[in-house]
């Protein structure tokens, strides 16, 4: 998954303003880091997206 696709999905779920805030503040349970931390560490965007989907209710069309 391209990074732009990842952020498009994040914004679809959380809204354009809140997505980036959520990504920097909330620690993903399965990864033990925030979205931004995982991406900065080089974790694949698909893996990060799956972790987001595990932590919040994501519409099935975006999973």
PDB file of N, CA and C in Angstrom:
ATOM      1  N   UNK A   1       0.849  -1.165   0.000  1.00  0.00           N
ATOM      2  CA  UNK A   1       0.000   0.000   0.000  1.00  0.00           C
ATOM      3  C   UNK A   1       0.904   1.240   0.000  1.00  0.00           C
ATOM      4  N   UNK A   2       0.601   2.157  -0.897  1.00  0.00           N
ATOM      5  CA  UNK A   2       1.366   3.405  -0.943  1.00  0.00           C
ATOM      6  C   UNK A   2       1.023   4.264   0.264  1.00  0.00           C
ATOM      7  N   UNK A   3       1.959   5.096   0.655  1.00  0.00           N
ATOM      8  CA  UNK A   3       1.757   5.968   1.801  1.00  0.00           C
ATOM      9  C   UNK A   3       0.575   6.918   1.578  1.00  0.00           C
ATOM     10  N   UNK A   4       0.406   7.396   0.360  1.00  0.00           N
ATOM     11  CA  UNK A   4      -0.733   8.286   0.083  1.00  0.00           C
ATOM     12  C   UNK A   4      -2.059   7.552   0.251  1.00  0.00           C
ATOM     13  N   UNK A   5      -2.103   6.284  -0.146  1.00  0.00           N
ATOM     14  CA  UNK A   5      -3.315   5.483   0.052  1.00  0.00           C
ATOM     15  C   UNK A   5      -3.591   5.287   1.544  1.00  0.00           C
ATOM     16  N   UNK A   6      -2.528   5.046   2.296  1.00  0.00           N
ATOM     17  CA  UNK A   6      -2.668   4.888   3.738  1.00  0.00           C
ATOM     18  C   UNK A   6      -3.303   6.133   4.348  1.00  0.00           C
ATOM     19  N   UNK A   7      -2.758   7.304   4.027  1.00  0.00           N
ATOM     20  CA  UNK A   7      -3.291   8.542   4.604  1.00  0.00           C
ATOM     21  C   UNK A   7      -4.697   8.855   4.106  1.00  0.00           C
ATOM     22  N   UNK A   8      -5.008   8.487   2.878  1.00  0.00           N
ATOM     23  CA  UNK A   8      -6.382   8.650   2.379  1.00  0.00           C
ATOM     24  C   UNK A   8      -7.352   7.828   3.226  1.00  0.00           C
ATOM     25  N   UNK A   9      -6.966   6.605   3.558  1.00  0.00           N
ATOM     26  CA  UNK A   9      -7.814   5.746   4.391  1.00  0.00           C
ATOM     27  C   UNK A   9      -7.924   6.289   5.812  1.00  0.00           C
ATOM     28  N   UNK A  10      -6.802   6.745   6.355  1.00  0.00           N
ATOM     29  CA  UNK A  10      -6.828   7.324   7.705  1.00  0.00           C
ATOM     30  C   UNK A  10      -7.789   8.513   7.749  1.00  0.00           C
ATOM     31  N   UNK A  11      -7.712   9.376   6.748  1.00  0.00           N
ATOM     32  CA  UNK A  11      -8.578  10.555   6.708  1.00  0.00           C
ATOM     33  C   UNK A  11     -10.035  10.178   6.480  1.00  0.00           C
ATOM     34  N   UNK A  12     -10.273   9.092   5.752  1.00  0.00           N
ATOM     35  CA  UNK A  12     -11.651   8.634   5.551  1.00  0.00           C
ATOM     36  C   UNK A  12     -12.254   8.135   6.860  1.00  0.00           C
ATOM     37  N   UNK A  13     -11.438   7.536   7.709  1.00  0.00           N
ATOM     38  CA  UNK A  13     -11.920   6.989   8.981  1.00  0.00           C
ATOM     39  C   UNK A  13     -12.022   8.068  10.051  1.00  0.00           C
ATOM     40  N   UNK A  14     -10.985   8.885  10.181  1.00  0.00           N
ATOM     41  CA  UNK A  14     -10.903   9.837  11.291  1.00  0.00           C
ATOM     42  C   UNK A  14     -11.219  11.280  10.920  1.00  0.00           C
ATOM     43  N   UNK A  15     -11.292  11.580   9.637  1.00  0.00           N
ATOM     44  CA  UNK A  15     -11.438  12.968   9.202  1.00  0.00           C
ATOM     45  C   UNK A  15     -10.060  13.553   8.938  1.00  0.00           C
ATOM     46  N   UNK A  16      -9.997  14.532   8.076  1.00  0.00           N
ATOM     47  CA  UNK A  16      -8.697  15.043   7.651  1.00  0.00           C
ATOM     48  C   UNK A  16      -7.916  15.712   8.768  1.00  0.00           C
ATOM     49  N   UNK A  17      -8.583  16.385   9.671  1.00  0.00           N
ATOM     50  CA  UNK A  17      -7.880  17.077  10.753  1.00  0.00           C
ATOM     51  C   UNK A  17      -7.462  16.109  11.858  1.00  0.00           C
ATOM     52  N   UNK A  18      -8.320  15.185  12.230  1.00  0.00           N
ATOM     53  CA  UNK A  18      -8.064  14.309  13.369  1.00  0.00           C
ATOM     54  C   UNK A  18      -7.117  13.155  13.032  1.00  0.00           C
ATOM     55  N   UNK A  19      -7.051  12.735  11.774  1.00  0.00           N
ATOM     56  CA  UNK A  19      -6.238  11.580  11.390  1.00  0.00           C
ATOM     57  C   UNK A  19      -4.781  11.753  11.793  1.00  0.00           C
ATOM     58  N   UNK A  20      -4.224  12.903  11.538  1.00  0.00           N
ATOM     59  CA  UNK A  20      -2.810  13.124  11.825  1.00  0.00           C
ATOM     60  C   UNK A  20      -2.563  13.263  13.328  1.00  0.00           C
ATOM     61  N   UNK A  21      -3.518  13.834  14.025  1.00  0.00           N
ATOM     62  CA  UNK A  21      -3.411  13.932  15.476  1.00  0.00           C
ATOM     63  C   UNK A  21      -3.479  12.539  16.102  1.00  0.00           C
ATOM     64  N   UNK A  22      -4.431  11.744  15.667  1.00  0.00           N
ATOM     65  CA  UNK A  22      -4.594  10.383  16.174  1.00  0.00           C
ATOM     66  C   UNK A  22      -3.335   9.574  15.904  1.00  0.00           C
ATOM     67  N   UNK A  23      -2.774   9.755  14.715  1.00  0.00           N
ATOM     68  CA  UNK A  23      -1.587   9.006  14.322  1.00  0.00           C
ATOM     69  C   UNK A  23      -0.374   9.329  15.189  1.00  0.00           C
ATOM     70  N   UNK A  24      -0.346  10.513  15.744  1.00  0.00           N
ATOM     71  CA  UNK A  24       0.803  10.880  16.575  1.00  0.00           C
ATOM     72  C   UNK A  24       0.566  10.638  18.057  1.00  0.00           C
ATOM     73  N   UNK A  25      -0.685  10.467  18.467  1.00  0.00           N
ATOM     74  CA  UNK A  25      -1.008  10.375  19.894  1.00  0.00           C
ATOM     75  C   UNK A  25      -1.375   8.985  20.400  1.00  0.00           C
ATOM     76  N   UNK A  26      -1.946   8.144  19.568  1.00  0.00           N
ATOM     77  CA  UNK A  26      -2.483   6.860  20.015  1.00  0.00           C
ATOM     78  C   UNK A  26      -1.497   5.734  19.714  1.00  0.00           C
ATOM     79  N   UNK A  27      -1.183   4.952  20.740  1.00  0.00           N
ATOM     80  CA  UNK A  27      -0.286   3.799  20.574  1.00  0.00           C
ATOM     81  C   UNK A  27      -1.108   2.608  20.097  1.00  0.00           C
ATOM     82  N   UNK A  28      -0.691   2.010  18.996  1.00  0.00           N
ATOM     83  CA  UNK A  28      -1.364   0.839  18.457  1.00  0.00           C
ATOM     84  C   UNK A  28      -1.035  -0.373  19.321  1.00  0.00           C
ATOM     85  N   UNK A  29      -2.054  -1.088  19.743  1.00  0.00           N
ATOM     86  CA  UNK A  29      -1.869  -2.201  20.666  1.00  0.00           C
ATOM     87  C   UNK A  29      -0.925  -3.268  20.118  1.00  0.00           C
ATOM     88  N   UNK A  30      -1.121  -3.659  18.877  1.00  0.00           N
ATOM     89  CA  UNK A  30      -0.336  -4.772  18.342  1.00  0.00           C
ATOM     90  C   UNK A  30       1.100  -4.391  18.000  1.00  0.00           C
ATOM     91  N   UNK A  31       1.363  -3.104  17.799  1.00  0.00           N
ATOM     92  CA  UNK A  31       2.715  -2.675  17.436  1.00  0.00           C
ATOM     93  C   UNK A  31       3.463  -2.026  18.593  1.00  0.00           C
ATOM     94  N   UNK A  32       2.730  -1.525  19.572  1.00  0.00           N
ATOM     95  CA  UNK A  32       3.353  -0.901  20.723  1.00  0.00           C
ATOM     96  C   UNK A  32       3.921   0.482  20.474  1.00  0.00           C
ATOM     97  N   UNK A  33       3.590   1.062  19.343  1.00  0.00           N
ATOM     98  CA  UNK A  33       4.020   2.422  18.989  1.00  0.00           C
ATOM     99  C   UNK A  33       2.867   3.128  18.290  1.00  0.00           C
ATOM    100  N   UNK A  34       3.012   4.431  18.101  1.00  0.00           N
ATOM    101  CA  UNK A  34       2.007   5.184  17.356  1.00  0.00           C
ATOM    102  C   UNK A  34       2.139   4.891  15.863  1.00  0.00           C
ATOM    103  N   UNK A  35       1.154   5.315  15.113  1.00  0.00           N
ATOM    104  CA  UNK A  35       1.217   5.193  13.653  1.00  0.00           C
ATOM    105  C   UNK A  35       2.467   5.893  13.137  1.00  0.00           C
ATOM    106  N   UNK A  36       2.673   7.124  13.577  1.00  0.00           N
ATOM    107  CA  UNK A  36       3.838   7.879  13.109  1.00  0.00           C
ATOM    108  C   UNK A  36       5.140   7.197  13.506  1.00  0.00           C
ATOM    109  N   UNK A  37       5.178   6.639  14.712  1.00  0.00           N
ATOM    110  CA  UNK A  37       6.365   5.927  15.160  1.00  0.00           C
ATOM    111  C   UNK A  37       6.643   4.690  14.322  1.00  0.00           C
ATOM    112  N   UNK A  38       5.590   3.963  14.000  1.00  0.00           N
ATOM    113  CA  UNK A  38       5.744   2.762  13.183  1.00  0.00           C
ATOM    114  C   UNK A  38       6.219   3.112  11.779  1.00  0.00           C
ATOM    115  N   UNK A  39       5.617   4.126  11.194  1.00  0.00           N
ATOM    116  CA  UNK A  39       6.021   4.531   9.848  1.00  0.00           C
ATOM    117  C   UNK A  39       7.465   5.033   9.836  1.00  0.00           C
ATOM    118  N   UNK A  40       7.841   5.800  10.847  1.00  0.00           N
ATOM    119  CA  UNK A  40       9.214   6.311  10.943  1.00  0.00           C
ATOM    120  C   UNK A  40      10.223   5.179  11.120  1.00  0.00           C
ATOM    121  N   UNK A  41       9.795   4.100  11.764  1.00  0.00           N
ATOM    122  CA  UNK A  41      10.670   2.954  11.987  1.00  0.00           C
ATOM    123  C   UNK A  41      10.756   2.041  10.760  1.00  0.00           C
ATOM    124  N   UNK A  42       9.978   2.355   9.732  1.00  0.00           N
ATOM    125  CA  UNK A  42      10.030   1.573   8.504  1.00  0.00           C
ATOM    126  C   UNK A  42       9.054   0.421   8.425  1.00  0.00           C
ATOM    127  N   UNK A  43       8.100   0.382   9.341  1.00  0.00           N
ATOM    128  CA  UNK A  43       7.078  -0.675   9.285  1.00  0.00           C
ATOM    129  C   UNK A  43       6.234  -0.453   8.032  1.00  0.00           C
ATOM    130  N   UNK A  44       5.961  -1.519   7.324  1.00  0.00           N
ATOM    131  CA  UNK A  44       5.180  -1.468   6.088  1.00  0.00           C
ATOM    132  C   UNK A  44       3.815  -0.833   6.337  1.00  0.00           C
ATOM    133  N   UNK A  45       3.379   0.019   5.434  1.00  0.00           N
ATOM    134  CA  UNK A  45       2.094   0.719   5.608  1.00  0.00           C
ATOM    135  C   UNK A  45       0.928  -0.246   5.722  1.00  0.00           C
ATOM    136  N   UNK A  46       0.979  -1.358   5.022  1.00  0.00           N
ATOM    137  CA  UNK A  46      -0.105  -2.339   5.108  1.00  0.00           C
ATOM    138  C   UNK A  46      -0.181  -2.921   6.514  1.00  0.00           C
ATOM    139  N   UNK A  47       0.952  -3.179   7.124  1.00  0.00           N
ATOM    140  CA  UNK A  47       1.004  -3.696   8.492  1.00  0.00           C
ATOM    141  C   UNK A  47       0.450  -2.664   9.465  1.00  0.00           C
ATOM    142  N   UNK A  48       0.816  -1.415   9.270  1.00  0.00           N
ATOM    143  CA  UNK A  48       0.312  -0.345  10.133  1.00  0.00           C
ATOM    144  C   UNK A  48      -1.191  -0.201   9.951  1.00  0.00           C
ATOM    145  N   UNK A  49      -1.660  -0.253   8.731  1.00  0.00           N
ATOM    146  CA  UNK A  49      -3.096  -0.125   8.480  1.00  0.00           C
ATOM    147  C   UNK A  49      -3.863  -1.264   9.155  1.00  0.00           C
ATOM    148  N   UNK A  50      -3.341  -2.475   9.075  1.00  0.00           N
ATOM    149  CA  UNK A  50      -4.003  -3.614   9.732  1.00  0.00           C
ATOM    150  C   UNK A  50      -4.064  -3.404  11.243  1.00  0.00           C
ATOM    151  N   UNK A  51      -3.018  -2.831  11.807  1.00  0.00           N
ATOM    152  CA  UNK A  51      -3.007  -2.538  13.246  1.00  0.00           C
ATOM    153  C   UNK A  51      -4.058  -1.491  13.586  1.00  0.00           C
ATOM    154  N   UNK A  52      -4.218  -0.484  12.739  1.00  0.00           N
ATOM    155  CA  UNK A  52      -5.264   0.528  12.951  1.00  0.00           C
ATOM    156  C   UNK A  52      -6.627  -0.153  12.916  1.00  0.00           C
ATOM    157  N   UNK A  53      -6.837  -1.024  11.944  1.00  0.00           N
ATOM    158  CA  UNK A  53      -8.121  -1.719  11.801  1.00  0.00           C
ATOM    159  C   UNK A  53      -8.431  -2.586  13.018  1.00  0.00           C
ATOM    160  N   UNK A  54      -7.409  -3.146  13.645  1.00  0.00           N
ATOM    161  CA  UNK A  54      -7.617  -3.952  14.846  1.00  0.00           C
ATOM    162  C   UNK A  54      -8.040  -3.092  16.039  1.00  0.00           C
ATOM    163  N   UNK A  55      -7.559  -1.858  16.082  1.00  0.00           N
ATOM    164  CA  UNK A  55      -7.801  -0.993  17.241  1.00  0.00           C
ATOM    165  C   UNK A  55      -9.090  -0.179  17.151  1.00  0.00           C
ATOM    166  N   UNK A  56      -9.550   0.106  15.955  1.00  0.00           N
ATOM    167  CA  UNK A  56     -10.760   0.914  15.802  1.00  0.00           C
ATOM    168  C   UNK A  56     -11.694   0.250  14.796  1.00  0.00           C
ATOM    169  N   UNK A  57     -12.939   0.674  14.832  1.00  0.00           N
ATOM    170  CA  UNK A  57     -13.920   0.139  13.896  1.00  0.00           C
ATOM    171  C   UNK A  57     -13.766   0.856  12.559  1.00  0.00           C
ATOM    172  N   UNK A  58     -13.290   0.118  11.560  1.00  0.00           N
ATOM    173  CA  UNK A  58     -13.050   0.674  10.234  1.00  0.00           C
ATOM    174  C   UNK A  58     -14.116   0.125   9.298  1.00  0.00           C
ATOM    175  N   UNK A  59     -14.723   0.984   8.475  1.00  0.00           N
ATOM    176  CA  UNK A  59     -15.715   0.492   7.518  1.00  0.00           C
ATOM    177  C   UNK A  59     -15.117  -0.608   6.635  1.00  0.00           C
ATOM    178  N   UNK A  60     -15.888  -1.644   6.385  1.00  0.00           N
ATOM    179  CA  UNK A  60     -15.385  -2.810   5.650  1.00  0.00           C
ATOM    180  C   UNK A  60     -14.845  -2.449   4.268  1.00  0.00           C
ATOM    181  N   UNK A  61     -15.348  -1.408   3.669  1.00  0.00           N
ATOM    182  CA  UNK A  61     -14.861  -0.994   2.345  1.00  0.00           C
ATOM    183  C   UNK A  61     -13.419  -0.500   2.388  1.00  0.00           C
ATOM    184  N   UNK A  62     -12.964  -0.096   3.567  1.00  0.00           N
ATOM    185  CA  UNK A  62     -11.603   0.434   3.702  1.00  0.00           C
ATOM    186  C   UNK A  62     -10.608  -0.579   4.247  1.00  0.00           C
ATOM    187  N   UNK A  63     -11.104  -1.721   4.699  1.00  0.00           N
ATOM    188  CA  UNK A  63     -10.215  -2.730   5.271  1.00  0.00           C
ATOM    189  C   UNK A  63      -9.528  -3.409   4.162  1.00  0.00           C
TER     190      UNK A  63
END
